[in-house]
């Protein structure tokens, strides 16, 4: 049974940083893209950052230069370092690979 377990969310002031972690179990995903999505209240889920199987990265324009995605295939894990956080980054953040999703972790940025 495949599971994606996220951690690292929380409450932070604007300008602060958080690091999200996602560890996959039940399968190996080194040949798959792994990514982070987010969904704010009343909005659709959107892609934040994607790490391809060759570890190249793609980012939403809104987070470029502030967020960094990385992965550790040996640990079946993907990370999201979030710096210079803004109130508009407030959302539930989800880890994804192939057809699998994590349960989400809340990130709240206060002004």
C-alpha atoms as a PDB file:
ATOM      1  CA  UNK A   1       0.000   0.000   0.000  1.00  0.00           C
ATOM      2  CA  UNK A   2       1.473   3.315  -1.087  1.00  0.00           C
ATOM      3  CA  UNK A   3       1.466   6.182   1.376  1.00  0.00           C
ATOM      4  CA  UNK A   4       2.814   9.716   1.160  1.00  0.00           C
ATOM      5  CA  UNK A   5       3.407  11.313   4.535  1.00  0.00           C
ATOM      6  CA  UNK A   6       3.934  15.066   4.706  1.00  0.00           C
ATOM      7  CA  UNK A   7       5.328  17.068   7.585  1.00  0.00           C
ATOM      8  CA  UNK A   8       6.716  20.516   8.326  1.00  0.00           C
ATOM      9  CA  UNK A   9       3.695  22.766   7.983  1.00  0.00           C
ATOM     10  CA  UNK A  10       2.765  25.341  10.579  1.00  0.00           C
ATOM     11  CA  UNK A  11       2.219  28.986  11.411  1.00  0.00           C
ATOM     12  CA  UNK A  12       4.897  31.499  10.458  1.00  0.00           C
ATOM     13  CA  UNK A  13       5.120  35.268  10.140  1.00  0.00           C
ATOM     14  CA  UNK A  14       5.496  36.909   6.765  1.00  0.00           C
ATOM     15  CA  UNK A  15       9.121  36.801   5.672  1.00  0.00           C
ATOM     16  CA  UNK A  16       9.759  33.582   7.526  1.00  0.00           C
ATOM     17  CA  UNK A  17      10.675  30.122   6.306  1.00  0.00           C
ATOM     18  CA  UNK A  18       9.347  26.591   6.492  1.00  0.00           C
ATOM     19  CA  UNK A  19      10.588  23.286   5.117  1.00  0.00           C
ATOM     20  CA  UNK A  20       8.068  20.671   4.055  1.00  0.00           C
ATOM     21  CA  UNK A  21       8.986  17.020   3.812  1.00  0.00           C
ATOM     22  CA  UNK A  22       7.210  14.144   2.091  1.00  0.00           C
ATOM     23  CA  UNK A  23       8.260  10.529   2.463  1.00  0.00           C
ATOM     24  CA  UNK A  24       6.762   7.838   0.265  1.00  0.00           C
ATOM     25  CA  UNK A  25       6.371   4.236   1.332  1.00  0.00           C
ATOM     26  CA  UNK A  26       5.103   1.121  -0.374  1.00  0.00           C
ATOM     27  CA  UNK A  27       6.858   1.702  -3.674  1.00  0.00           C
ATOM     28  CA  UNK A  28       9.887   3.349  -5.234  1.00  0.00           C
ATOM     29  CA  UNK A  29       9.335   6.596  -7.098  1.00  0.00           C
ATOM     30  CA  UNK A  30      12.802   7.480  -8.350  1.00  0.00           C
ATOM     31  CA  UNK A  31      11.621   7.189 -11.956  1.00  0.00           C
ATOM     32  CA  UNK A  32       8.590   9.428 -11.386  1.00  0.00           C
ATOM     33  CA  UNK A  33       8.163  13.135 -10.999  1.00  0.00           C
ATOM     34  CA  UNK A  34       7.415  14.261  -7.454  1.00  0.00           C
ATOM     35  CA  UNK A  35       5.768  17.532  -6.695  1.00  0.00           C
ATOM     36  CA  UNK A  36       4.059  19.889  -4.317  1.00  0.00           C
ATOM     37  CA  UNK A  37       0.631  21.382  -4.860  1.00  0.00           C
ATOM     38  CA  UNK A  38      -1.386  23.734  -2.711  1.00  0.00           C
ATOM     39  CA  UNK A  39      -5.010  24.641  -2.249  1.00  0.00           C
ATOM     40  CA  UNK A  40      -6.173  27.811  -0.553  1.00  0.00           C
ATOM     41  CA  UNK A  41      -9.749  28.214   0.726  1.00  0.00           C
ATOM     42  CA  UNK A  42     -12.149  28.796  -2.136  1.00  0.00           C
ATOM     43  CA  UNK A  43      -9.479  28.189  -4.769  1.00  0.00           C
ATOM     44  CA  UNK A  44      -8.483  25.304  -7.000  1.00  0.00           C
ATOM     45  CA  UNK A  45      -5.493  23.139  -6.253  1.00  0.00           C
ATOM     46  CA  UNK A  46      -2.431  24.463  -8.048  1.00  0.00           C
ATOM     47  CA  UNK A  47       1.047  23.194  -8.810  1.00  0.00           C
ATOM     48  CA  UNK A  48       3.731  24.831  -6.693  1.00  0.00           C
ATOM     49  CA  UNK A  49       6.872  22.937  -7.676  1.00  0.00           C
ATOM     50  CA  UNK A  50       7.795  19.789  -9.539  1.00  0.00           C
ATOM     51  CA  UNK A  51      10.934  17.667  -9.456  1.00  0.00           C
ATOM     52  CA  UNK A  52      11.270  15.450 -12.510  1.00  0.00           C
ATOM     53  CA  UNK A  53      12.838  12.008 -12.468  1.00  0.00           C
ATOM     54  CA  UNK A  54      16.176  13.529 -13.516  1.00  0.00           C
ATOM     55  CA  UNK A  55      15.848  16.062 -10.658  1.00  0.00           C
ATOM     56  CA  UNK A  56      15.242  19.114 -12.809  1.00  0.00           C
ATOM     57  CA  UNK A  57      12.785  21.531 -11.203  1.00  0.00           C
ATOM     58  CA  UNK A  58       9.836  23.593 -12.326  1.00  0.00           C
ATOM     59  CA  UNK A  59       8.092  26.264 -10.295  1.00  0.00           C
ATOM     60  CA  UNK A  60       4.933  28.297 -10.353  1.00  0.00           C
ATOM     61  CA  UNK A  61       5.723  31.908 -11.208  1.00  0.00           C
ATOM     62  CA  UNK A  62       4.388  33.012  -7.825  1.00  0.00           C
ATOM     63  CA  UNK A  63       7.081  31.091  -5.911  1.00  0.00           C
ATOM     64  CA  UNK A  64      10.105  31.368  -8.207  1.00  0.00           C
ATOM     65  CA  UNK A  65      13.145  32.629  -6.336  1.00  0.00           C
ATOM     66  CA  UNK A  66      11.544  31.899  -2.941  1.00  0.00           C
ATOM     67  CA  UNK A  67      10.842  28.154  -2.924  1.00  0.00           C
ATOM     68  CA  UNK A  68      13.222  25.308  -3.684  1.00  0.00           C
ATOM     69  CA  UNK A  69      12.216  21.714  -4.337  1.00  0.00           C
ATOM     70  CA  UNK A  70      14.651  18.857  -3.809  1.00  0.00           C
ATOM     71  CA  UNK A  71      14.457  15.092  -3.638  1.00  0.00           C
ATOM     72  CA  UNK A  72      16.356  12.215  -2.113  1.00  0.00           C
ATOM     73  CA  UNK A  73      15.656   9.065  -4.093  1.00  0.00           C
ATOM     74  CA  UNK A  74      17.482   6.908  -1.571  1.00  0.00           C
ATOM     75  CA  UNK A  75      14.933   7.995   1.030  1.00  0.00           C
ATOM     76  CA  UNK A  76      11.998   8.114  -1.404  1.00  0.00           C
ATOM     77  CA  UNK A  77      11.494  11.697  -0.259  1.00  0.00           C
ATOM     78  CA  UNK A  78      10.821  15.144  -1.653  1.00  0.00           C
ATOM     79  CA  UNK A  79      11.253  18.444   0.144  1.00  0.00           C
ATOM     80  CA  UNK A  80      10.084  22.018  -0.295  1.00  0.00           C
ATOM     81  CA  UNK A  81      12.130  24.806   1.236  1.00  0.00           C
ATOM     82  CA  UNK A  82       9.960  27.896   1.451  1.00  0.00           C
ATOM     83  CA  UNK A  83      11.612  31.240   2.148  1.00  0.00           C
ATOM     84  CA  UNK A  84      10.308  34.806   2.225  1.00  0.00           C
ATOM     85  CA  UNK A  85       6.823  33.517   2.882  1.00  0.00           C
ATOM     86  CA  UNK A  86       3.855  35.754   2.152  1.00  0.00           C
ATOM     87  CA  UNK A  87       0.287  35.672   3.480  1.00  0.00           C
ATOM     88  CA  UNK A  88      -0.858  34.581   0.014  1.00  0.00           C
ATOM     89  CA  UNK A  89       1.177  31.389   0.436  1.00  0.00           C
ATOM     90  CA  UNK A  90      -1.333  30.278   3.074  1.00  0.00           C
ATOM     91  CA  UNK A  91      -2.846  26.982   1.929  1.00  0.00           C
ATOM     92  CA  UNK A  92      -2.916  23.262   2.467  1.00  0.00           C
ATOM     93  CA  UNK A  93       0.151  21.817   0.759  1.00  0.00           C
ATOM     94  CA  UNK A  94      -0.029  18.365  -0.817  1.00  0.00           C
ATOM     95  CA  UNK A  95       2.704  16.025  -1.940  1.00  0.00           C
ATOM     96  CA  UNK A  96       2.096  14.110  -5.170  1.00  0.00           C
ATOM     97  CA  UNK A  97       3.738  11.451  -7.260  1.00  0.00           C
ATOM     98  CA  UNK A  98       2.071   9.603 -10.139  1.00  0.00           C
ATOM     99  CA  UNK A  99      -1.485   8.892  -8.925  1.00  0.00           C
ATOM    100  CA  UNK A 100      -0.742   9.215  -5.240  1.00  0.00           C
ATOM    101  CA  UNK A 101      -1.415  12.146  -2.898  1.00  0.00           C
ATOM    102  CA  UNK A 102      -0.509  12.900   0.666  1.00  0.00           C
ATOM    103  CA  UNK A 103      -3.085  13.990   3.217  1.00  0.00           C
ATOM    104  CA  UNK A 104      -1.902  17.596   3.147  1.00  0.00           C
ATOM    105  CA  UNK A 105      -0.177  19.866   5.626  1.00  0.00           C
ATOM    106  CA  UNK A 106      -1.423  23.320   6.577  1.00  0.00           C
ATOM    107  CA  UNK A 107       0.820  26.331   6.026  1.00  0.00           C
ATOM    108  CA  UNK A 108      -0.392  29.600   7.486  1.00  0.00           C
ATOM    109  CA  UNK A 109       1.519  32.847   6.980  1.00  0.00           C
ATOM    110  CA  UNK A 110       0.481  35.753   9.160  1.00  0.00           C
ATOM    111  CA  UNK A 111       0.963  39.368   8.128  1.00  0.00           C
END
